[in-house]
Amino acid sequence: MKPKFLRILGIALIIFSWIIWGVIFILPFLKLTIRQYALAYPVLFAATSIFWVGAALVGKELIQKYNLLPKIKKWFKRSGDN
C-alpha cells in the first residue's frame, strides 16, 4: 500500500494532464501569434506526459479499478462476433 499523499498526488497529476489536453484543444481558437503557437504546442504536449508519472504514483490497483479497456473493446466489436 502506498502512502496516501503519493496516491493523492498521482490522482492530481492525472487530472492536471486532462486539463492540459483541454487547453491543447482550445488553443487553436485563441488569438495567438505563430511564434506563440509554435512554443505552446510542444510545451503542452510534453507536459501531458505527467499522466504517466501520476499513473505510476497511483499504482496498479487504482488503474485496474477504473479500467475502461473492456468497454472500449465492446464498442468496436462487430455485431456478428460472439
Protein backbone atom coordinates (compact mmCIF):
# COMPACT_ATOMS: atom_id res chain seq x y z
CA MET A 1 0.00 0.00 0.00
CA LYS A 2 1.38 3.38 -0.99
CA PRO A 3 1.22 6.38 1.31
CA LYS A 4 -1.97 8.41 0.94
CA PHE A 5 -0.04 11.55 -0.06
CA LEU A 6 1.50 9.79 -3.09
CA ARG A 7 -1.87 8.44 -4.16
CA ILE A 8 -3.47 11.91 -3.96
CA LEU A 9 -0.52 13.44 -5.82
CA GLY A 10 -0.85 10.81 -8.53
CA ILE A 11 -4.56 11.47 -8.98
CA ALA A 12 -3.90 15.22 -9.09
CA LEU A 13 -1.26 14.73 -11.81
CA ILE A 14 -3.64 12.63 -13.89
CA ILE A 15 -6.39 15.25 -13.60
CA PHE A 16 -3.91 18.01 -14.44
CA SER A 17 -2.86 16.13 -17.59
CA TRP A 18 -6.52 16.04 -18.69
CA ILE A 19 -6.73 19.78 -18.15
CA ILE A 20 -3.66 20.27 -20.32
CA TRP A 21 -5.28 18.22 -23.09
CA GLY A 22 -8.30 20.50 -22.83
CA VAL A 23 -6.06 23.53 -23.26
CA ILE A 24 -4.44 21.92 -26.31
CA PHE A 25 -7.87 21.52 -27.95
CA ILE A 26 -8.87 25.10 -27.09
CA LEU A 27 -5.57 26.62 -28.25
CA PRO A 28 -6.49 26.99 -31.97
CA PHE A 29 -9.39 29.25 -31.03
CA LEU A 30 -7.19 31.72 -29.16
CA LYS A 31 -5.71 34.74 -30.89
CA LEU A 32 -2.01 33.99 -30.64
CA THR A 33 0.89 34.67 -32.93
CA ILE A 34 2.55 31.90 -34.92
CA ARG A 35 5.55 32.13 -32.60
CA GLN A 36 3.32 31.63 -29.54
CA TYR A 37 1.62 28.63 -31.14
CA ALA A 38 4.99 27.17 -32.05
CA LEU A 39 6.07 27.44 -28.43
CA ALA A 40 2.80 26.41 -26.78
CA TYR A 41 2.08 23.15 -28.61
CA PRO A 42 5.36 21.32 -27.94
CA VAL A 43 5.45 22.53 -24.34
CA LEU A 44 1.89 21.39 -23.70
CA PHE A 45 2.38 18.04 -25.42
CA ALA A 46 5.47 17.42 -23.31
CA ALA A 47 3.55 18.42 -20.19
CA THR A 48 0.87 15.80 -20.86
CA SER A 49 3.43 13.11 -20.07
CA ILE A 50 2.79 13.81 -16.38
CA PHE A 51 -0.13 11.40 -16.81
CA TRP A 52 2.34 8.51 -16.70
CA VAL A 53 4.01 9.88 -13.59
CA GLY A 54 0.61 10.14 -11.96
CA ALA A 55 -0.30 6.63 -13.06
CA ALA A 56 2.92 5.28 -11.58
CA LEU A 57 2.22 7.04 -8.29
CA VAL A 58 -1.39 5.91 -8.10
CA GLY A 59 -0.48 2.31 -8.56
CA LYS A 60 -1.73 -0.71 -10.36
CA GLU A 61 -4.76 -1.27 -8.14
CA LEU A 62 -6.49 2.01 -8.94
CA ILE A 63 -5.68 1.80 -12.66
CA GLN A 64 -7.28 -1.63 -12.80
CA LYS A 65 -10.26 -0.48 -10.74
CA TYR A 66 -11.18 2.12 -13.38
CA ASN A 67 -10.12 0.04 -16.38
CA LEU A 68 -12.18 1.01 -19.40
CA LEU A 69 -10.44 -1.32 -21.87
CA PRO A 70 -13.17 -4.00 -21.83
CA LYS A 71 -15.83 -1.34 -22.51
CA ILE A 72 -13.83 0.12 -25.40
CA LYS A 73 -13.32 -3.34 -26.90
CA LYS A 74 -17.07 -3.90 -26.68
CA TRP A 75 -17.75 -0.69 -28.64
CA PHE A 76 -15.55 -1.80 -31.53
CA LYS A 77 -16.72 -5.41 -31.53
CA ARG A 78 -18.54 -6.41 -34.67
CA SER A 79 -22.19 -7.27 -34.26
CA GLY A 80 -21.67 -10.76 -35.75
CA ASP A 81 -18.78 -11.62 -33.37
CA ASN A 82 -19.50 -13.58 -30.21
